[in-house]
N, C-alpha and C. Protein backbone atom coordinates (compact mmCIF):
# COMPACT_ATOMS: atom_id res chain seq x y z
N UNK A 1 -13.98 4.03 8.32
CA UNK A 1 -13.55 2.90 7.47
C UNK A 1 -13.77 3.32 5.88
N UNK A 2 -12.70 3.11 5.19
CA UNK A 2 -12.67 3.33 3.82
C UNK A 2 -13.04 2.07 2.92
N UNK A 3 -14.02 2.24 2.05
CA UNK A 3 -14.37 1.18 1.28
C UNK A 3 -13.13 0.71 0.39
N UNK A 4 -12.38 1.66 -0.01
CA UNK A 4 -11.18 1.24 -0.91
C UNK A 4 -10.16 2.39 -0.96
N UNK A 5 -8.86 2.16 -1.08
CA UNK A 5 -7.97 3.07 -1.29
C UNK A 5 -6.85 2.76 -2.35
N UNK A 6 -6.03 3.65 -2.81
CA UNK A 6 -5.03 3.15 -3.78
C UNK A 6 -3.62 3.17 -3.01
N UNK A 7 -2.80 2.26 -3.11
CA UNK A 7 -1.36 2.22 -2.46
C UNK A 7 -0.52 1.73 -3.67
N UNK A 8 0.76 1.47 -3.36
CA UNK A 8 1.70 1.20 -4.27
C UNK A 8 2.28 -0.23 -3.90
N UNK A 9 2.91 -0.83 -4.81
CA UNK A 9 3.72 -2.12 -4.65
C UNK A 9 5.23 -1.62 -4.54
N UNK A 10 5.68 -1.95 -3.36
CA UNK A 10 7.15 -1.53 -3.12
C UNK A 10 7.97 -2.60 -2.44
N UNK A 11 9.11 -2.24 -1.98
CA UNK A 11 9.79 -1.02 -2.04
C UNK A 11 10.40 -0.69 -3.59
N UNK A 12 10.60 0.66 -3.83
CA UNK A 12 11.25 1.03 -5.05
C UNK A 12 12.04 2.38 -4.75
N UNK A 13 12.99 2.68 -5.68
CA UNK A 13 13.77 3.86 -5.50
C UNK A 13 14.03 4.60 -6.74
N UNK A 14 14.17 5.98 -6.52
CA UNK A 14 14.54 6.72 -7.63
C UNK A 14 15.77 7.78 -7.42
N UNK A 15 16.68 7.82 -8.11
CA UNK A 15 17.82 8.54 -7.72
C UNK A 15 18.09 9.70 -8.76
N UNK A 16 18.39 10.91 -8.43
CA UNK A 16 18.85 12.10 -9.42
C UNK A 16 20.05 12.69 -8.50
N UNK A 17 20.96 13.29 -9.28
CA UNK A 17 21.94 14.23 -8.90
C UNK A 17 21.94 15.77 -9.31
N UNK A 18 21.91 16.49 -8.32
CA UNK A 18 21.71 17.92 -8.67
C UNK A 18 22.92 18.79 -7.99
N UNK A 19 23.77 19.38 -8.89
CA UNK A 19 24.84 20.14 -8.48
C UNK A 19 25.65 19.41 -7.53
N UNK A 20 25.92 18.03 -7.81
CA UNK A 20 26.78 17.32 -6.82
C UNK A 20 26.02 16.51 -5.76
N UNK A 21 24.88 16.93 -5.34
CA UNK A 21 24.15 16.30 -4.28
C UNK A 21 23.41 15.20 -4.83
N UNK A 22 23.57 13.86 -4.25
CA UNK A 22 22.73 12.83 -4.50
C UNK A 22 21.39 12.78 -3.73
N UNK A 23 20.23 12.75 -4.47
CA UNK A 23 18.85 12.63 -4.03
C UNK A 23 18.20 11.32 -4.30
N UNK A 24 18.03 10.44 -3.31
CA UNK A 24 17.49 9.07 -3.47
C UNK A 24 16.26 8.92 -2.83
N UNK A 25 15.20 8.84 -3.59
CA UNK A 25 13.82 8.77 -3.09
C UNK A 25 13.38 7.29 -2.89
N UNK A 26 13.13 6.86 -1.72
CA UNK A 26 12.68 5.53 -1.36
C UNK A 26 11.24 5.48 -0.94
N UNK A 27 10.51 4.51 -1.69
CA UNK A 27 9.08 4.43 -1.46
C UNK A 27 8.68 3.27 -0.93
N UNK A 28 7.99 3.17 0.14
CA UNK A 28 7.67 2.00 0.85
C UNK A 28 6.22 1.95 1.47
N UNK A 29 5.59 0.71 1.40
CA UNK A 29 4.34 0.61 2.00
C UNK A 29 4.53 1.08 3.53
N UNK A 30 3.37 1.72 3.85
CA UNK A 30 3.24 2.17 5.33
C UNK A 30 1.96 2.32 5.86
N UNK A 31 1.35 1.33 6.80
CA UNK A 31 0.00 1.60 7.16
C UNK A 31 -0.09 1.92 8.66
N UNK A 32 1.10 2.24 9.34
CA UNK A 32 1.05 2.66 10.91
C UNK A 32 2.13 3.40 11.23
N UNK A 33 2.24 3.87 12.50
CA UNK A 33 3.33 4.58 13.09
C UNK A 33 4.46 3.64 12.99
N UNK A 34 4.33 2.34 13.33
CA UNK A 34 5.44 1.32 13.45
C UNK A 34 6.04 1.20 12.11
N UNK A 35 5.17 1.19 11.05
CA UNK A 35 5.59 0.95 9.70
C UNK A 35 6.60 2.08 9.33
N UNK A 36 6.02 3.33 9.80
CA UNK A 36 6.84 4.50 9.47
C UNK A 36 8.22 4.39 10.17
N UNK A 37 8.28 4.02 11.42
CA UNK A 37 9.67 3.89 12.22
C UNK A 37 10.46 2.81 11.28
N UNK A 38 9.87 1.58 11.03
CA UNK A 38 10.61 0.53 10.36
C UNK A 38 11.03 1.00 9.02
N UNK A 39 10.23 1.86 8.28
CA UNK A 39 10.61 2.18 6.95
C UNK A 39 11.93 3.19 7.10
N UNK A 40 11.94 4.10 8.00
CA UNK A 40 12.94 5.08 8.18
C UNK A 40 14.25 4.19 8.66
N UNK A 41 14.12 3.17 9.42
CA UNK A 41 15.36 2.42 9.88
C UNK A 41 15.92 1.72 8.67
N UNK A 42 15.05 1.16 7.86
CA UNK A 42 15.45 0.42 6.67
C UNK A 42 16.27 1.30 5.78
N UNK A 43 15.80 2.49 5.50
CA UNK A 43 16.52 3.49 4.61
C UNK A 43 17.82 3.81 5.12
N UNK A 44 17.87 4.20 6.34
CA UNK A 44 19.12 4.70 7.18
C UNK A 44 20.12 3.57 7.17
N UNK A 45 19.64 2.18 7.18
CA UNK A 45 20.64 1.19 7.04
C UNK A 45 21.18 0.89 5.60
N UNK A 46 20.22 1.06 4.67
CA UNK A 46 20.52 0.98 3.28
C UNK A 46 21.52 2.04 2.89
N UNK A 47 21.22 3.25 3.46
CA UNK A 47 22.00 4.52 2.92
C UNK A 47 22.61 5.05 4.10
N UNK A 48 23.70 4.60 4.85
CA UNK A 48 24.26 5.13 6.08
C UNK A 48 24.99 6.35 5.66
N UNK A 49 25.09 7.25 6.83
CA UNK A 49 26.03 8.45 6.62
C UNK A 49 25.52 9.41 5.73
N UNK A 50 24.26 9.60 5.42
CA UNK A 50 23.78 10.58 4.48
C UNK A 50 23.64 11.86 5.27
N UNK A 51 23.63 13.03 4.65
CA UNK A 51 23.35 14.32 5.15
C UNK A 51 22.03 14.55 5.90
N UNK A 52 20.90 14.04 5.13
CA UNK A 52 19.73 14.21 5.57
C UNK A 52 18.69 12.92 5.18
N UNK A 53 17.75 12.66 5.93
CA UNK A 53 16.70 11.62 5.72
C UNK A 53 15.40 12.20 5.88
N UNK A 54 14.90 12.96 4.85
CA UNK A 54 13.64 13.76 5.01
C UNK A 54 12.43 12.68 4.49
N UNK A 55 11.32 12.87 5.18
CA UNK A 55 10.19 11.99 4.64
C UNK A 55 8.94 12.62 4.82
N UNK A 56 7.94 11.91 3.88
CA UNK A 56 6.51 12.14 4.17
C UNK A 56 5.77 10.83 4.07
N UNK A 57 4.68 10.81 4.89
CA UNK A 57 3.94 9.63 4.92
C UNK A 57 2.52 9.85 5.04
N UNK A 58 1.57 8.90 4.42
CA UNK A 58 0.03 9.22 4.58
C UNK A 58 -0.20 7.67 4.78
N UNK A 59 -1.17 7.59 5.93
CA UNK A 59 -1.76 6.29 6.32
C UNK A 59 -2.76 6.42 7.21
N UNK A 60 -4.06 5.78 6.90
CA UNK A 60 -5.12 5.75 7.70
C UNK A 60 -5.65 7.17 8.18
N UNK A 61 -5.77 8.11 7.26
CA UNK A 61 -6.07 9.48 7.32
C UNK A 61 -5.09 10.23 8.27
N UNK A 62 -3.80 9.77 8.31
CA UNK A 62 -2.92 10.44 9.10
C UNK A 62 -1.84 10.92 8.10
N UNK A 63 -1.15 12.04 8.45
CA UNK A 63 0.00 12.54 7.83
C UNK A 63 1.14 12.94 8.58
N UNK A 64 2.40 12.45 8.07
CA UNK A 64 3.58 12.94 8.95
C UNK A 64 4.59 13.25 7.94
N UNK A 65 5.48 14.19 8.33
CA UNK A 65 6.63 14.74 7.41
C UNK A 65 7.56 15.35 8.25
N UNK A 66 8.86 15.34 7.66
CA UNK A 66 9.96 15.92 8.42
C UNK A 66 11.05 16.44 7.38
N UNK A 67 11.66 17.50 7.65
CA UNK A 67 12.70 18.09 6.85
C UNK A 67 13.99 17.62 7.38
N UNK A 68 13.96 16.97 8.51
CA UNK A 68 15.32 16.30 9.01
C UNK A 68 16.54 17.19 8.80
N UNK A 69 16.42 18.51 9.39
CA UNK A 69 17.63 19.29 9.22
C UNK A 69 17.72 20.26 8.13
N UNK A 70 16.99 19.88 7.03
CA UNK A 70 16.97 20.97 5.93
C UNK A 70 16.15 22.19 6.35
N UNK A 71 16.40 23.24 5.64
CA UNK A 71 15.49 24.56 6.12
C UNK A 71 14.13 24.15 6.15
N UNK A 72 13.44 24.81 6.99
CA UNK A 72 11.94 24.60 7.26
C UNK A 72 11.16 24.82 6.04
N UNK A 73 10.38 23.75 5.80
CA UNK A 73 9.46 23.79 4.68
C UNK A 73 10.04 23.45 3.29
N UNK A 74 11.30 23.05 3.18
CA UNK A 74 11.96 22.88 1.89
C UNK A 74 12.02 21.26 1.38
N UNK A 75 11.59 20.32 2.39
CA UNK A 75 11.68 19.05 2.11
C UNK A 75 10.32 18.21 2.35
N UNK A 76 10.12 18.02 3.72
CA UNK A 76 8.98 17.28 4.04
C UNK A 76 7.62 17.64 3.55
N UNK A 77 7.47 19.16 3.62
CA UNK A 77 6.22 19.63 3.17
C UNK A 77 5.79 19.51 1.62
N UNK A 78 7.01 19.83 0.73
CA UNK A 78 6.87 19.58 -0.84
C UNK A 78 6.62 18.25 -0.99
N UNK A 79 7.19 17.37 -0.21
CA UNK A 79 7.01 15.77 -0.38
C UNK A 79 5.68 15.42 0.04
N UNK A 80 5.18 15.79 1.01
CA UNK A 80 3.72 15.42 1.48
C UNK A 80 2.79 15.99 0.35
N UNK A 81 2.92 17.14 -0.15
CA UNK A 81 2.27 17.57 -1.27
C UNK A 81 2.13 16.85 -2.39
N UNK A 82 3.32 16.14 -2.66
CA UNK A 82 3.34 15.26 -4.03
C UNK A 82 2.47 14.01 -3.61
N UNK A 83 2.60 13.55 -2.40
CA UNK A 83 1.84 12.36 -1.96
C UNK A 83 0.25 12.63 -2.08
N UNK A 84 -0.06 13.74 -1.62
CA UNK A 84 -1.50 14.10 -1.70
C UNK A 84 -2.07 14.30 -3.12
N UNK A 85 -1.21 14.78 -4.04
CA UNK A 85 -1.69 15.03 -5.44
C UNK A 85 -1.70 13.70 -6.14
N UNK A 86 -0.87 12.58 -5.49
CA UNK A 86 -0.93 11.46 -6.29
C UNK A 86 -2.12 10.48 -5.94
N UNK A 87 -2.87 10.87 -4.79
CA UNK A 87 -3.94 10.12 -4.42
C UNK A 87 -3.56 8.87 -3.76
N UNK A 88 -2.39 8.57 -3.46
CA UNK A 88 -1.98 7.28 -2.92
C UNK A 88 -1.94 7.34 -1.47
N UNK A 89 -2.22 6.23 -0.72
CA UNK A 89 -2.38 6.20 0.53
C UNK A 89 -1.42 4.92 1.18
N UNK A 90 -1.35 4.85 2.57
CA UNK A 90 -0.47 3.85 3.05
C UNK A 90 0.90 3.69 2.46
N UNK A 91 1.66 4.79 2.58
CA UNK A 91 2.91 4.98 1.89
C UNK A 91 3.86 5.91 2.65
N UNK A 92 5.10 5.55 2.58
CA UNK A 92 5.98 6.53 3.04
C UNK A 92 7.03 6.72 2.02
N UNK A 93 7.46 8.17 1.74
CA UNK A 93 8.42 8.39 0.87
C UNK A 93 9.69 8.98 1.78
N UNK A 94 10.83 8.37 1.70
CA UNK A 94 11.90 8.79 2.42
C UNK A 94 12.95 9.22 1.32
N UNK A 95 13.33 10.49 1.36
CA UNK A 95 14.34 10.98 0.41
C UNK A 95 15.77 11.30 1.02
N UNK A 96 16.63 10.58 0.72
CA UNK A 96 18.06 10.57 1.30
C UNK A 96 18.85 11.55 0.47
N UNK A 97 19.55 12.53 1.21
CA UNK A 97 20.37 13.47 0.52
C UNK A 97 21.84 13.21 0.92
N UNK A 98 22.77 13.04 -0.04
CA UNK A 98 24.29 13.27 0.17
C UNK A 98 24.74 14.63 -0.28
N UNK A 99 25.09 15.48 0.58
CA UNK A 99 25.43 16.80 0.20
C UNK A 99 26.67 16.76 -0.84
N UNK A 100 26.66 17.62 -1.89
CA UNK A 100 27.71 17.54 -2.93
C UNK A 100 28.45 18.70 -2.68
N UNK A 101 28.38 19.77 -1.89
CA UNK A 101 29.14 20.91 -1.59
C UNK A 101 28.73 22.20 -2.16
N UNK A 102 27.56 22.05 -2.90
CA UNK A 102 27.10 23.21 -3.50
C UNK A 102 25.59 23.59 -2.84
N UNK A 103 25.29 24.75 -2.27
CA UNK A 103 23.97 25.10 -1.82
C UNK A 103 23.10 25.24 -2.86
N UNK A 104 21.83 24.61 -2.60
CA UNK A 104 20.83 24.75 -3.74
C UNK A 104 19.80 26.06 -3.41
N UNK A 105 19.88 26.69 -2.18
CA UNK A 105 18.77 27.57 -1.87
C UNK A 105 17.49 26.83 -1.62
N UNK A 106 16.69 27.90 -0.95
CA UNK A 106 15.33 27.16 -0.62
C UNK A 106 14.51 26.70 -1.95
N UNK A 107 14.55 27.57 -2.80
CA UNK A 107 13.77 27.17 -4.13
C UNK A 107 14.32 25.86 -4.69
N UNK A 108 15.53 25.75 -4.68
CA UNK A 108 16.24 24.61 -5.30
C UNK A 108 15.99 23.40 -4.58
N UNK A 109 15.84 23.53 -3.21
CA UNK A 109 15.66 22.31 -2.39
C UNK A 109 14.24 21.78 -2.57
N UNK A 110 13.35 22.68 -2.53
CA UNK A 110 11.83 22.51 -2.69
C UNK A 110 11.68 21.60 -4.05
N UNK A 111 12.40 22.14 -5.06
CA UNK A 111 12.30 21.61 -6.48
C UNK A 111 12.78 20.29 -6.35
N UNK A 112 14.13 20.05 -5.79
CA UNK A 112 14.69 18.85 -5.74
C UNK A 112 13.85 17.82 -5.00
N UNK A 113 13.41 18.05 -3.91
CA UNK A 113 12.56 17.07 -3.02
C UNK A 113 11.25 16.73 -3.71
N UNK A 114 10.66 17.75 -4.33
CA UNK A 114 9.34 17.59 -4.96
C UNK A 114 9.63 16.60 -6.15
N UNK A 115 10.55 17.03 -7.00
CA UNK A 115 10.87 16.22 -8.31
C UNK A 115 11.09 14.76 -7.98
N UNK A 116 12.06 14.56 -7.12
CA UNK A 116 12.53 13.24 -6.77
C UNK A 116 11.42 12.41 -6.36
N UNK A 117 10.59 12.88 -5.36
CA UNK A 117 9.44 12.16 -4.93
C UNK A 117 8.41 11.86 -6.02
N UNK A 118 8.23 12.92 -6.79
CA UNK A 118 7.21 12.79 -7.82
C UNK A 118 7.60 11.71 -8.87
N UNK A 119 8.92 11.67 -9.42
CA UNK A 119 9.33 10.77 -10.23
C UNK A 119 9.39 9.32 -9.61
N UNK A 120 9.55 9.22 -8.39
CA UNK A 120 9.50 7.84 -7.75
C UNK A 120 8.23 7.35 -7.86
N UNK A 121 7.20 8.12 -7.28
CA UNK A 121 5.90 7.80 -7.49
C UNK A 121 5.35 7.50 -8.68
N UNK A 122 5.82 8.22 -9.78
CA UNK A 122 5.38 7.96 -11.05
C UNK A 122 5.71 6.71 -11.66
N UNK A 123 6.94 6.04 -11.04
CA UNK A 123 7.34 4.84 -11.47
C UNK A 123 6.74 3.59 -10.81
N UNK A 124 5.96 4.05 -9.85
CA UNK A 124 5.29 2.86 -8.97
C UNK A 124 4.15 2.21 -9.74
N UNK A 125 3.79 0.92 -9.22
CA UNK A 125 2.73 0.26 -9.79
C UNK A 125 1.70 0.51 -8.80
N UNK A 126 0.40 1.15 -9.14
CA UNK A 126 -0.62 1.44 -8.14
C UNK A 126 -1.44 0.18 -7.83
N UNK A 127 -1.85 0.00 -6.70
CA UNK A 127 -2.68 -1.23 -6.23
C UNK A 127 -3.92 -0.59 -5.70
N UNK A 128 -4.97 -1.03 -5.95
CA UNK A 128 -6.32 -0.82 -5.22
C UNK A 128 -6.70 -1.77 -4.14
N UNK A 129 -6.83 -1.29 -3.01
CA UNK A 129 -7.17 -2.08 -1.90
C UNK A 129 -8.64 -1.98 -1.47
N UNK A 130 -9.45 -3.03 -1.42
CA UNK A 130 -10.82 -3.15 -1.12
C UNK A 130 -11.10 -3.71 0.38
N UNK A 131 -11.97 -2.87 1.00
CA UNK A 131 -12.40 -3.49 2.30
C UNK A 131 -13.25 -4.69 2.18
N UNK A 132 -12.78 -5.84 2.73
CA UNK A 132 -13.52 -7.07 2.48
C UNK A 132 -13.94 -7.99 3.68
N UNK A 133 -14.96 -8.59 3.54
CA UNK A 133 -15.45 -9.42 4.66
C UNK A 133 -14.93 -10.78 4.36
N UNK A 134 -14.21 -11.47 5.22
CA UNK A 134 -13.74 -12.82 5.31
C UNK A 134 -14.86 -13.82 5.56
N UNK A 135 -15.18 -14.41 4.49
CA UNK A 135 -16.38 -15.37 4.47
C UNK A 135 -15.89 -16.91 4.51
N UNK A 136 -16.41 -17.72 5.37
CA UNK A 136 -15.97 -19.08 5.28
C UNK A 136 -17.13 -19.98 5.15
N UNK A 137 -16.83 -21.12 4.49
CA UNK A 137 -17.92 -22.22 4.44
C UNK A 137 -17.34 -23.39 4.13
N UNK A 138 -18.14 -24.52 4.05
CA UNK A 138 -17.54 -25.80 3.69
C UNK A 138 -18.50 -26.27 2.48
N UNK A 139 -17.99 -27.14 1.54
CA UNK A 139 -18.72 -27.56 0.56
C UNK A 139 -18.03 -28.99 0.18
N UNK A 140 -18.69 -29.71 -0.70
CA UNK A 140 -18.29 -30.80 -1.18
C UNK A 140 -17.39 -30.60 -2.45
N UNK A 141 -16.64 -31.59 -3.04
CA UNK A 141 -15.59 -31.52 -4.18
C UNK A 141 -16.35 -30.97 -5.40
N UNK A 142 -17.52 -31.55 -5.74
CA UNK A 142 -18.23 -31.12 -7.01
C UNK A 142 -18.66 -29.85 -6.83
N UNK A 143 -19.22 -29.21 -5.63
CA UNK A 143 -19.62 -27.98 -5.56
C UNK A 143 -18.31 -26.95 -5.47
N UNK A 144 -17.22 -27.56 -5.10
CA UNK A 144 -15.98 -26.77 -5.05
C UNK A 144 -15.51 -26.28 -6.50
N UNK A 145 -15.63 -27.21 -7.45
CA UNK A 145 -15.11 -27.01 -8.78
C UNK A 145 -16.20 -25.87 -9.35
N UNK A 146 -17.37 -26.02 -9.02
CA UNK A 146 -18.31 -24.86 -9.61
C UNK A 146 -17.93 -23.55 -8.94
N UNK A 147 -17.63 -23.68 -7.55
CA UNK A 147 -17.35 -22.45 -6.93
C UNK A 147 -16.23 -21.73 -7.55
N UNK A 148 -15.17 -22.43 -7.81
CA UNK A 148 -13.93 -21.95 -8.41
C UNK A 148 -14.32 -21.23 -9.74
N UNK A 149 -15.11 -21.83 -10.54
CA UNK A 149 -15.38 -21.28 -11.91
C UNK A 149 -16.33 -19.98 -11.85
N UNK A 150 -16.85 -19.68 -10.75
CA UNK A 150 -17.94 -18.55 -10.61
C UNK A 150 -17.48 -17.44 -9.62
N UNK A 151 -16.51 -17.74 -8.92
CA UNK A 151 -16.16 -16.81 -7.67
C UNK A 151 -15.19 -15.61 -8.18
N UNK A 152 -14.41 -15.74 -9.21
CA UNK A 152 -13.39 -14.84 -9.48
C UNK A 152 -13.87 -13.43 -9.55
N UNK A 153 -14.94 -13.19 -10.12
CA UNK A 153 -15.47 -11.83 -10.36
C UNK A 153 -15.92 -11.15 -8.96
N UNK A 154 -16.12 -12.07 -7.99
CA UNK A 154 -16.66 -11.59 -6.77
C UNK A 154 -15.84 -11.42 -5.49
N UNK A 155 -14.66 -11.97 -5.74
CA UNK A 155 -13.65 -12.13 -4.38
C UNK A 155 -12.38 -11.37 -4.87
N UNK A 156 -11.51 -11.05 -3.78
CA UNK A 156 -10.32 -10.58 -4.05
C UNK A 156 -9.08 -11.80 -3.92
N UNK A 157 -8.31 -11.99 -4.91
CA UNK A 157 -7.47 -13.00 -4.87
C UNK A 157 -8.06 -14.45 -4.96
N UNK A 158 -7.29 -15.62 -4.49
CA UNK A 158 -7.74 -16.79 -4.68
C UNK A 158 -8.23 -17.15 -3.17
N UNK A 159 -9.29 -17.90 -3.18
CA UNK A 159 -9.69 -18.24 -1.74
C UNK A 159 -8.61 -19.27 -0.98
N UNK A 160 -8.79 -19.16 0.31
CA UNK A 160 -7.90 -20.18 1.14
C UNK A 160 -8.59 -21.37 1.16
N UNK A 161 -7.75 -22.57 1.17
CA UNK A 161 -8.60 -23.87 0.87
C UNK A 161 -7.93 -24.84 1.73
N UNK A 162 -8.71 -25.85 2.41
CA UNK A 162 -8.18 -26.86 3.14
C UNK A 162 -9.01 -28.06 2.75
N UNK A 163 -8.35 -29.08 2.39
CA UNK A 163 -8.99 -30.35 1.84
C UNK A 163 -9.05 -31.42 2.83
N UNK A 164 -10.16 -31.94 3.28
CA UNK A 164 -10.37 -33.18 3.93
C UNK A 164 -11.50 -34.07 3.22
N UNK A 165 -12.50 -34.55 3.96
CA UNK A 165 -13.57 -35.06 3.41
C UNK A 165 -14.41 -34.11 2.60
N UNK A 166 -14.36 -32.85 3.01
CA UNK A 166 -15.02 -31.70 2.30
C UNK A 166 -13.94 -30.58 2.12
N UNK A 167 -14.28 -29.61 1.52
CA UNK A 167 -13.49 -28.48 1.19
C UNK A 167 -13.79 -27.25 2.14
N UNK A 168 -12.87 -26.69 2.94
CA UNK A 168 -13.10 -25.65 3.78
C UNK A 168 -12.45 -24.44 2.93
N UNK A 169 -13.14 -23.38 2.80
CA UNK A 169 -12.92 -22.14 1.89
C UNK A 169 -13.16 -20.95 2.91
N UNK A 170 -12.12 -20.12 2.58
CA UNK A 170 -12.25 -18.74 3.14
C UNK A 170 -11.95 -17.80 1.92
N UNK A 171 -12.90 -16.84 1.81
CA UNK A 171 -12.80 -15.86 0.69
C UNK A 171 -12.90 -14.40 1.22
N UNK A 172 -12.07 -13.48 0.57
CA UNK A 172 -12.06 -12.21 0.74
C UNK A 172 -13.11 -11.43 -0.17
N UNK A 173 -14.16 -11.13 0.45
CA UNK A 173 -15.14 -10.65 -0.43
C UNK A 173 -15.45 -9.01 -0.20
N UNK A 174 -15.28 -8.19 -1.21
CA UNK A 174 -15.55 -6.88 -1.12
C UNK A 174 -17.12 -6.56 -0.72
N UNK A 175 -17.29 -5.74 0.12
CA UNK A 175 -18.58 -5.49 0.74
C UNK A 175 -19.59 -5.15 -0.38
N UNK A 176 -19.37 -4.55 -1.41
CA UNK A 176 -20.34 -4.35 -2.60
C UNK A 176 -20.69 -5.65 -3.25
N UNK A 177 -19.86 -6.75 -3.12
CA UNK A 177 -20.13 -8.03 -3.58
C UNK A 177 -20.83 -9.02 -2.80
N UNK A 178 -21.03 -8.73 -1.47
CA UNK A 178 -21.36 -9.50 -0.35
C UNK A 178 -22.68 -10.36 -0.76
N UNK A 179 -23.68 -9.66 -1.15
CA UNK A 179 -24.99 -10.35 -1.35
C UNK A 179 -24.97 -11.27 -2.48
N UNK A 180 -24.38 -10.82 -3.58
CA UNK A 180 -24.14 -11.69 -4.93
C UNK A 180 -23.34 -12.72 -4.50
N UNK A 181 -22.32 -12.74 -3.63
CA UNK A 181 -21.47 -13.82 -3.33
C UNK A 181 -22.27 -14.76 -2.40
N UNK A 182 -23.16 -14.38 -1.59
CA UNK A 182 -23.87 -15.18 -0.62
C UNK A 182 -25.02 -15.92 -1.40
N UNK A 183 -25.46 -15.27 -2.51
CA UNK A 183 -26.47 -15.91 -3.29
C UNK A 183 -25.90 -16.96 -4.24
N UNK A 184 -24.62 -16.77 -4.66
CA UNK A 184 -24.00 -17.82 -5.33
C UNK A 184 -23.62 -18.94 -4.67
N UNK A 185 -23.26 -18.77 -3.39
CA UNK A 185 -22.74 -19.95 -2.40
C UNK A 185 -24.01 -20.77 -2.20
N UNK A 186 -25.24 -20.04 -1.84
CA UNK A 186 -26.40 -20.69 -1.51
C UNK A 186 -26.85 -21.48 -2.80
N UNK A 187 -26.76 -20.94 -3.91
CA UNK A 187 -27.38 -21.61 -5.11
C UNK A 187 -26.32 -22.91 -5.39
N UNK A 188 -24.95 -22.79 -5.19
CA UNK A 188 -24.18 -24.02 -5.46
C UNK A 188 -24.42 -25.01 -4.49
N UNK A 189 -24.72 -24.70 -3.28
CA UNK A 189 -24.83 -25.55 -2.30
C UNK A 189 -26.29 -26.05 -2.00
N UNK A 190 -27.07 -25.50 -2.80
CA UNK A 190 -28.56 -25.74 -2.64
C UNK A 190 -29.21 -25.31 -1.26
N UNK A 191 -28.48 -24.23 -0.68
CA UNK A 191 -28.96 -23.76 0.60
C UNK A 191 -28.39 -24.71 1.79
N UNK A 192 -27.77 -25.85 1.44
CA UNK A 192 -27.10 -26.62 2.52
C UNK A 192 -25.78 -26.31 2.95
N UNK A 193 -25.65 -25.06 3.71
CA UNK A 193 -24.30 -24.44 3.93
C UNK A 193 -24.55 -23.70 5.18
N UNK A 194 -23.41 -23.69 5.89
CA UNK A 194 -23.31 -22.70 7.10
C UNK A 194 -22.27 -21.65 6.86
N UNK A 195 -22.51 -20.43 6.66
CA UNK A 195 -21.53 -19.50 6.31
C UNK A 195 -21.25 -18.69 7.74
N UNK A 196 -19.93 -18.47 7.74
CA UNK A 196 -19.39 -17.72 8.92
C UNK A 196 -18.56 -16.44 8.41
N UNK A 197 -18.65 -15.41 9.27
CA UNK A 197 -17.74 -14.30 9.17
C UNK A 197 -16.68 -14.22 9.97
N UNK A 198 -15.42 -14.17 9.45
CA UNK A 198 -14.25 -14.25 10.20
C UNK A 198 -13.59 -12.88 10.52
N UNK A 199 -14.12 -11.92 9.99
CA UNK A 199 -13.58 -10.54 10.31
C UNK A 199 -13.60 -9.78 8.99
N UNK A 200 -12.84 -8.65 9.04
CA UNK A 200 -12.63 -7.75 7.86
C UNK A 200 -11.24 -7.30 7.69
N UNK A 201 -10.89 -7.30 6.49
CA UNK A 201 -9.43 -6.87 6.11
C UNK A 201 -9.47 -6.05 4.71
N UNK A 202 -8.37 -5.32 4.43
CA UNK A 202 -8.25 -4.82 3.18
C UNK A 202 -7.34 -5.99 2.31
N UNK A 203 -7.90 -6.02 1.19
CA UNK A 203 -7.29 -7.03 0.24
C UNK A 203 -7.12 -6.38 -1.23
N UNK A 204 -6.01 -6.67 -1.71
CA UNK A 204 -5.69 -6.34 -3.15
C UNK A 204 -7.01 -6.64 -4.12
N UNK A 205 -7.39 -5.68 -4.81
CA UNK A 205 -8.51 -5.95 -5.60
C UNK A 205 -8.06 -5.96 -7.15
């Protein structure tokens, strides 16, 4: 279990033309094998009839990459090296190539796939994801207003809310903030509260 990791907001694209060949790097979120397959399908539908669909992906301590018919080691491997160097996880980079008629050689291909992926990653907005406990409790409306004024520094995003005669709240609380959060809730409710854990997720910090 990772306490946190950095990913990107996507999808996004970056295109260059080198000696007549179009290289289009598509960056997509990817947290599983199924996301990888969906990402490839999405790019192939968006850019049909390309010469190659090379990719590199990092997710949950896994790495996958493919040259997709380019000479071995000239596409997928340099692309995964770019992803490693970026420190970004839960991501797939798919670089589409439309061949322009001029051979680039192995060195030229490595440079083209590396640069296109690097430039695409460089234009991305990084997002830090935090491992959070989902904590639920009920409170009155007066307590709710105080909770809203004090919770922002301790949770990820806005709490989920349901309003009846009381307010049902679910907050994504980073593990490092858990004890402070529980103290705050107990203080606001004067200890008259039943706190439940609904599980754990990664949430944008």
